[in-house]
Amino acid sequence: MAKLQQTISLPNKIKVGSVDISVQLIDGLVDISEDEGSYDGTKQTIILDKNVVERQNSYSLLLVLHELDHVIYEQHLLKSADEEIVVNAFSHATVQILRDNPDLKKWMDVCLSKN
């Protein structure tokens, strides 16, 4: 009997700090807004171009991490912070995101395993 291949998708919610961030995939977002992704802090939502995310490659991961970095930047009030504070906030927040989101880690592994 043939094995069914399990599909691992980007989660539609990612816990960042104390907040669950919604993730929405939009077909052709880059054609609509000329952006592959954006973060709306007022709605606690990341919007991503569906085509980029579904490629599940290192660029897909780069896009997701970029938008998560916007969340970290906003949550930690880093606009006027000096470099060491910024780097410390990003490293702590990134580790916490990875600890809190095992499904995100699985998706990341898929992305990193492709060329």
Protein backbone atom coordinates (compact mmCIF):
# COMPACT_ATOMS: atom_id res chain seq x y z
CA MET A 1 0.00 0.00 0.00
CA ALA A 2 1.35 3.43 -0.93
CA LYS A 3 1.99 5.96 1.81
CA LEU A 4 -0.02 9.16 1.76
CA GLN A 5 2.21 12.20 1.66
CA GLN A 6 1.39 14.61 4.48
CA THR A 7 1.13 18.25 3.48
CA ILE A 8 2.60 20.74 5.92
CA SER A 9 1.12 24.20 5.56
CA LEU A 10 1.97 27.52 7.11
CA PRO A 11 -0.23 27.89 10.22
CA ASN A 12 -3.03 30.45 10.03
CA LYS A 13 -2.13 31.71 13.53
CA ILE A 14 1.35 32.30 14.94
CA LYS A 15 1.86 33.12 18.61
CA VAL A 16 4.22 36.06 19.02
CA GLY A 17 4.74 37.02 22.64
CA SER A 18 1.32 37.17 24.26
CA VAL A 19 -0.57 37.72 20.99
CA ASP A 20 -1.87 35.32 18.34
CA ILE A 21 -1.13 36.83 14.95
CA SER A 22 -3.51 35.82 12.15
CA VAL A 23 -1.89 34.81 8.87
CA GLN A 24 -3.85 35.34 5.66
CA LEU A 25 -2.77 34.15 2.22
CA ILE A 26 -3.98 36.28 -0.69
CA ASP A 27 -3.83 35.11 -4.31
CA GLY A 28 -1.84 37.59 -6.38
CA LEU A 29 -1.11 39.98 -3.51
CA VAL A 30 2.03 41.20 -5.26
CA ASP A 31 -0.10 42.19 -8.28
CA ILE A 32 -2.62 44.00 -6.07
CA SER A 33 -0.33 45.87 -3.69
CA GLU A 34 3.17 45.47 -5.17
CA ASP A 35 4.14 43.82 -1.87
CA GLU A 36 4.61 40.14 -1.16
CA GLY A 37 3.56 40.63 2.45
CA SER A 38 2.57 43.12 5.09
CA TYR A 39 1.79 43.33 8.79
CA ASP A 40 -1.19 45.26 10.11
CA GLY A 41 -0.62 45.89 13.81
CA THR A 42 -4.11 47.27 14.34
CA LYS A 43 -5.60 43.95 13.22
CA GLN A 44 -2.75 41.72 14.47
CA THR A 45 -2.64 40.21 10.98
CA ILE A 46 0.09 39.24 8.55
CA ILE A 47 -0.99 39.14 4.90
CA LEU A 48 1.17 37.15 2.49
CA ASP A 49 1.19 36.41 -1.22
CA LYS A 50 -0.19 32.87 -1.46
CA ASN A 51 1.96 31.95 -4.45
CA VAL A 52 5.19 32.83 -2.65
CA VAL A 53 4.24 30.95 0.52
CA GLU A 54 3.07 27.83 -1.33
CA ARG A 55 6.46 27.44 -3.02
CA GLN A 56 7.71 26.37 0.42
CA ASN A 57 11.32 27.29 -0.26
CA SER A 58 13.88 29.45 1.48
CA TYR A 59 12.39 32.61 -0.06
CA SER A 60 8.98 31.67 1.35
CA LEU A 61 10.57 31.37 4.77
CA LEU A 62 12.41 34.66 4.32
CA LEU A 63 9.10 36.42 3.60
CA VAL A 64 7.40 34.96 6.68
CA LEU A 65 10.34 35.81 8.94
CA HIS A 66 10.46 39.34 7.52
CA GLU A 67 6.83 39.94 8.47
CA LEU A 68 7.31 38.32 11.89
CA ASP A 69 10.23 40.71 12.41
CA HIS A 70 7.81 43.60 11.88
CA VAL A 71 5.66 42.14 14.66
CA ILE A 72 8.68 41.88 16.98
CA TYR A 73 9.75 45.43 16.12
CA GLU A 74 6.33 46.77 17.02
CA GLN A 75 5.79 44.66 20.15
CA HIS A 76 9.15 45.59 21.64
CA LEU A 77 8.88 49.31 20.79
CA LEU A 78 12.23 49.28 18.99
CA LYS A 79 11.84 52.42 16.88
CA SER A 80 14.33 54.44 18.91
CA ALA A 81 16.30 51.61 20.54
CA ASP A 82 20.05 51.22 20.14
CA GLU A 83 21.57 48.23 18.36
CA GLU A 84 22.20 45.92 21.32
CA ILE A 85 18.64 46.33 22.58
CA VAL A 86 17.27 45.63 19.09
CA VAL A 87 19.42 42.53 18.59
CA ASN A 88 18.55 41.23 22.07
CA ALA A 89 14.83 41.73 21.50
CA PHE A 90 14.91 39.95 18.13
CA SER A 91 16.92 36.99 19.42
CA HIS A 92 14.69 36.47 22.45
CA ALA A 93 11.48 36.92 20.48
CA THR A 94 12.61 34.58 17.69
CA VAL A 95 13.46 31.80 20.15
CA GLN A 96 10.09 32.27 21.86
CA ILE A 97 8.25 32.12 18.51
CA LEU A 98 10.01 28.85 17.67
CA ARG A 99 9.23 27.38 21.11
CA ASP A 100 5.56 28.40 20.96
CA ASN A 101 4.80 27.34 17.38
CA PRO A 102 5.78 23.72 16.60
CA ASP A 103 3.68 23.70 13.41
CA LEU A 104 5.55 26.76 12.18
CA LYS A 105 8.84 24.96 12.84
CA LYS A 106 7.66 21.98 10.76
CA TRP A 107 6.75 24.30 7.89
CA MET A 108 10.14 26.01 8.20
CA ASP A 109 11.91 22.64 7.97
CA VAL A 110 10.06 21.89 4.72
CA CYS A 111 11.08 25.27 3.32
CA LEU A 112 14.73 24.77 4.28
CA SER A 113 14.87 21.30 2.77
CA LYS A 114 14.11 22.62 -0.74
CA ASN A 115 16.58 24.37 -3.01
